[in-house]
Amino acid sequence: MKNYGLCLFSLLGGAVVGAAVAMLVTPKSGSAMRESIREFVNDELSKMSKKCSEMGHNIYDMPHSK
């Protein structure tokens, strides 16, 4: 039982230390970071959509062989 308590204490201590380090090294606030991620994902999805559209037009414009 003694080892169980030590293990649990170590786990909780590690979680607290990890959370504290994460807060100290994060350059932006949570809402600013989420907005930045949202903008990045939307930009990349837009680029992918354009590329897929271009590929579709290129495939459609290819001569059909029989």
N, C-alpha and C. Protein backbone atom coordinates (compact mmCIF):
# COMPACT_ATOMS: atom_id res chain seq x y z
N MET A 1 0.82 -1.19 0.00
CA MET A 1 0.00 0.00 0.00
C MET A 1 0.87 1.25 0.00
N LYS A 2 2.04 1.14 0.62
CA LYS A 2 2.94 2.28 0.68
C LYS A 2 3.40 2.68 -0.73
N ASN A 3 3.69 1.73 -1.57
CA ASN A 3 4.12 2.02 -2.94
C ASN A 3 3.00 2.65 -3.76
N TYR A 4 1.76 2.25 -3.51
CA TYR A 4 0.62 2.80 -4.22
C TYR A 4 0.50 4.30 -3.94
N GLY A 5 0.64 4.69 -2.69
CA GLY A 5 0.56 6.11 -2.33
C GLY A 5 1.68 6.92 -2.96
N LEU A 6 2.89 6.35 -2.96
CA LEU A 6 4.03 7.04 -3.57
C LEU A 6 3.83 7.19 -5.07
N CYS A 7 3.31 6.15 -5.70
CA CYS A 7 3.05 6.20 -7.15
C CYS A 7 2.01 7.26 -7.48
N LEU A 8 0.94 7.29 -6.69
CA LEU A 8 -0.12 8.27 -6.92
C LEU A 8 0.39 9.69 -6.69
N PHE A 9 1.17 9.88 -5.62
CA PHE A 9 1.75 11.19 -5.34
C PHE A 9 2.69 11.63 -6.47
N SER A 10 3.49 10.70 -6.99
CA SER A 10 4.41 11.02 -8.09
C SER A 10 3.64 11.40 -9.35
N LEU A 11 2.58 10.67 -9.63
CA LEU A 11 1.76 10.97 -10.80
C LEU A 11 1.14 12.36 -10.71
N LEU A 12 0.54 12.66 -9.57
CA LEU A 12 -0.09 13.98 -9.39
C LEU A 12 0.96 15.10 -9.41
N GLY A 13 2.10 14.86 -8.78
CA GLY A 13 3.18 15.85 -8.79
C GLY A 13 3.68 16.12 -10.19
N GLY A 14 3.85 15.07 -10.97
CA GLY A 14 4.29 15.23 -12.36
C GLY A 14 3.28 16.00 -13.19
N ALA A 15 1.99 15.73 -12.95
CA ALA A 15 0.95 16.45 -13.68
C ALA A 15 0.97 17.93 -13.34
N VAL A 16 1.14 18.26 -12.08
CA VAL A 16 1.18 19.66 -11.66
C VAL A 16 2.41 20.35 -12.25
N VAL A 17 3.57 19.70 -12.18
CA VAL A 17 4.78 20.30 -12.74
C VAL A 17 4.64 20.48 -14.25
N GLY A 18 4.09 19.49 -14.93
CA GLY A 18 3.89 19.59 -16.38
C GLY A 18 2.95 20.73 -16.75
N ALA A 19 1.87 20.88 -16.00
CA ALA A 19 0.93 21.97 -16.27
C ALA A 19 1.58 23.33 -16.04
N ALA A 20 2.39 23.43 -14.98
CA ALA A 20 3.07 24.70 -14.68
C ALA A 20 4.06 25.05 -15.78
N VAL A 21 4.82 24.07 -16.25
CA VAL A 21 5.79 24.31 -17.33
C VAL A 21 5.06 24.72 -18.60
N ALA A 22 3.97 24.05 -18.91
CA ALA A 22 3.20 24.39 -20.11
C ALA A 22 2.70 25.83 -20.05
N MET A 23 2.24 26.27 -18.90
CA MET A 23 1.76 27.65 -18.76
C MET A 23 2.89 28.66 -18.92
N LEU A 24 4.06 28.30 -18.45
CA LEU A 24 5.19 29.23 -18.52
C LEU A 24 5.77 29.37 -19.92
N VAL A 25 5.72 28.32 -20.72
CA VAL A 25 6.35 28.37 -22.04
C VAL A 25 5.38 28.65 -23.18
N THR A 26 4.09 28.71 -22.90
CA THR A 26 3.11 28.99 -23.95
C THR A 26 3.18 30.47 -24.31
N PRO A 27 3.45 30.78 -25.59
CA PRO A 27 3.63 32.18 -25.98
C PRO A 27 2.33 32.97 -26.10
N LYS A 28 1.21 32.31 -26.25
CA LYS A 28 -0.06 33.00 -26.45
C LYS A 28 -1.07 32.50 -25.43
N SER A 29 -2.12 33.28 -25.26
CA SER A 29 -3.21 32.83 -24.40
C SER A 29 -3.96 31.71 -25.10
N GLY A 30 -4.78 31.00 -24.38
CA GLY A 30 -5.52 29.87 -24.96
C GLY A 30 -6.41 30.29 -26.11
N SER A 31 -7.13 31.39 -25.94
CA SER A 31 -8.04 31.83 -27.02
C SER A 31 -7.26 32.30 -28.23
N ALA A 32 -6.13 32.97 -28.01
CA ALA A 32 -5.30 33.42 -29.14
C ALA A 32 -4.70 32.23 -29.87
N MET A 33 -4.27 31.20 -29.12
CA MET A 33 -3.71 30.00 -29.73
C MET A 33 -4.77 29.26 -30.54
N ARG A 34 -5.98 29.14 -29.99
CA ARG A 34 -7.05 28.47 -30.73
C ARG A 34 -7.39 29.22 -32.01
N GLU A 35 -7.42 30.55 -31.95
CA GLU A 35 -7.70 31.36 -33.15
C GLU A 35 -6.61 31.17 -34.19
N SER A 36 -5.36 31.14 -33.75
CA SER A 36 -4.25 30.93 -34.66
C SER A 36 -4.34 29.56 -35.34
N ILE A 37 -4.66 28.54 -34.57
CA ILE A 37 -4.82 27.19 -35.13
C ILE A 37 -5.98 27.16 -36.10
N ARG A 38 -7.10 27.80 -35.74
CA ARG A 38 -8.28 27.84 -36.61
C ARG A 38 -7.96 28.50 -37.95
N GLU A 39 -7.23 29.63 -37.90
CA GLU A 39 -6.86 30.33 -39.13
C GLU A 39 -5.94 29.47 -39.99
N PHE A 40 -4.97 28.80 -39.37
CA PHE A 40 -4.05 27.94 -40.10
C PHE A 40 -4.81 26.81 -40.79
N VAL A 41 -5.69 26.14 -40.06
CA VAL A 41 -6.45 25.02 -40.62
C VAL A 41 -7.33 25.51 -41.76
N ASN A 42 -8.02 26.64 -41.59
CA ASN A 42 -8.87 27.16 -42.65
C ASN A 42 -8.07 27.53 -43.90
N ASP A 43 -6.89 28.13 -43.72
CA ASP A 43 -6.03 28.46 -44.86
C ASP A 43 -5.59 27.20 -45.61
N GLU A 44 -5.18 26.19 -44.85
CA GLU A 44 -4.72 24.95 -45.48
C GLU A 44 -5.87 24.23 -46.19
N LEU A 45 -7.05 24.23 -45.59
CA LEU A 45 -8.21 23.62 -46.25
C LEU A 45 -8.57 24.35 -47.53
N SER A 46 -8.46 25.67 -47.52
CA SER A 46 -8.73 26.46 -48.71
C SER A 46 -7.72 26.12 -49.82
N LYS A 47 -6.45 26.01 -49.46
CA LYS A 47 -5.43 25.64 -50.45
C LYS A 47 -5.69 24.26 -51.03
N MET A 48 -6.06 23.31 -50.15
CA MET A 48 -6.34 21.95 -50.62
C MET A 48 -7.55 21.94 -51.54
N SER A 49 -8.57 22.71 -51.22
CA SER A 49 -9.76 22.77 -52.04
C SER A 49 -9.44 23.31 -53.43
N LYS A 50 -8.62 24.36 -53.48
CA LYS A 50 -8.23 24.93 -54.77
C LYS A 50 -7.44 23.93 -55.59
N LYS A 51 -6.49 23.23 -54.95
CA LYS A 51 -5.67 22.24 -55.66
C LYS A 51 -6.53 21.10 -56.20
N CYS A 52 -7.48 20.63 -55.38
CA CYS A 52 -8.36 19.56 -55.84
C CYS A 52 -9.23 20.02 -57.01
N SER A 53 -9.68 21.25 -56.94
CA SER A 53 -10.48 21.79 -58.04
C SER A 53 -9.66 21.88 -59.32
N GLU A 54 -8.41 22.35 -59.20
CA GLU A 54 -7.52 22.43 -60.36
C GLU A 54 -7.26 21.04 -60.93
N MET A 55 -7.04 20.07 -60.05
CA MET A 55 -6.79 18.71 -60.53
C MET A 55 -8.01 18.16 -61.25
N GLY A 56 -9.19 18.45 -60.71
CA GLY A 56 -10.41 18.00 -61.35
C GLY A 56 -10.57 18.59 -62.74
N HIS A 57 -10.26 19.90 -62.88
CA HIS A 57 -10.35 20.54 -64.19
C HIS A 57 -9.32 19.96 -65.14
N ASN A 58 -8.12 19.69 -64.65
CA ASN A 58 -7.06 19.11 -65.50
C ASN A 58 -7.44 17.73 -65.97
N ILE A 59 -8.03 16.93 -65.11
CA ILE A 59 -8.45 15.58 -65.49
C ILE A 59 -9.59 15.66 -66.51
N TYR A 60 -10.51 16.59 -66.30
CA TYR A 60 -11.65 16.72 -67.21
C TYR A 60 -11.18 17.19 -68.58
N ASP A 61 -10.15 18.04 -68.64
CA ASP A 61 -9.67 18.59 -69.89
C ASP A 61 -8.75 17.62 -70.65
N MET A 62 -8.35 16.52 -70.03
CA MET A 62 -7.48 15.55 -70.70
C MET A 62 -8.24 14.89 -71.85
N PRO A 63 -7.51 14.60 -72.93
CA PRO A 63 -8.19 13.91 -74.04
C PRO A 63 -8.59 12.51 -73.60
N HIS A 64 -9.76 12.11 -74.03
CA HIS A 64 -10.27 10.79 -73.66
C HIS A 64 -9.76 9.78 -74.68
N SER A 65 -9.15 8.72 -74.22
CA SER A 65 -8.68 7.67 -75.14
C SER A 65 -9.56 6.45 -74.97
N LYS A 66 -9.74 5.74 -76.07
CA LYS A 66 -10.58 4.54 -76.06
C LYS A 66 -9.76 3.33 -76.35
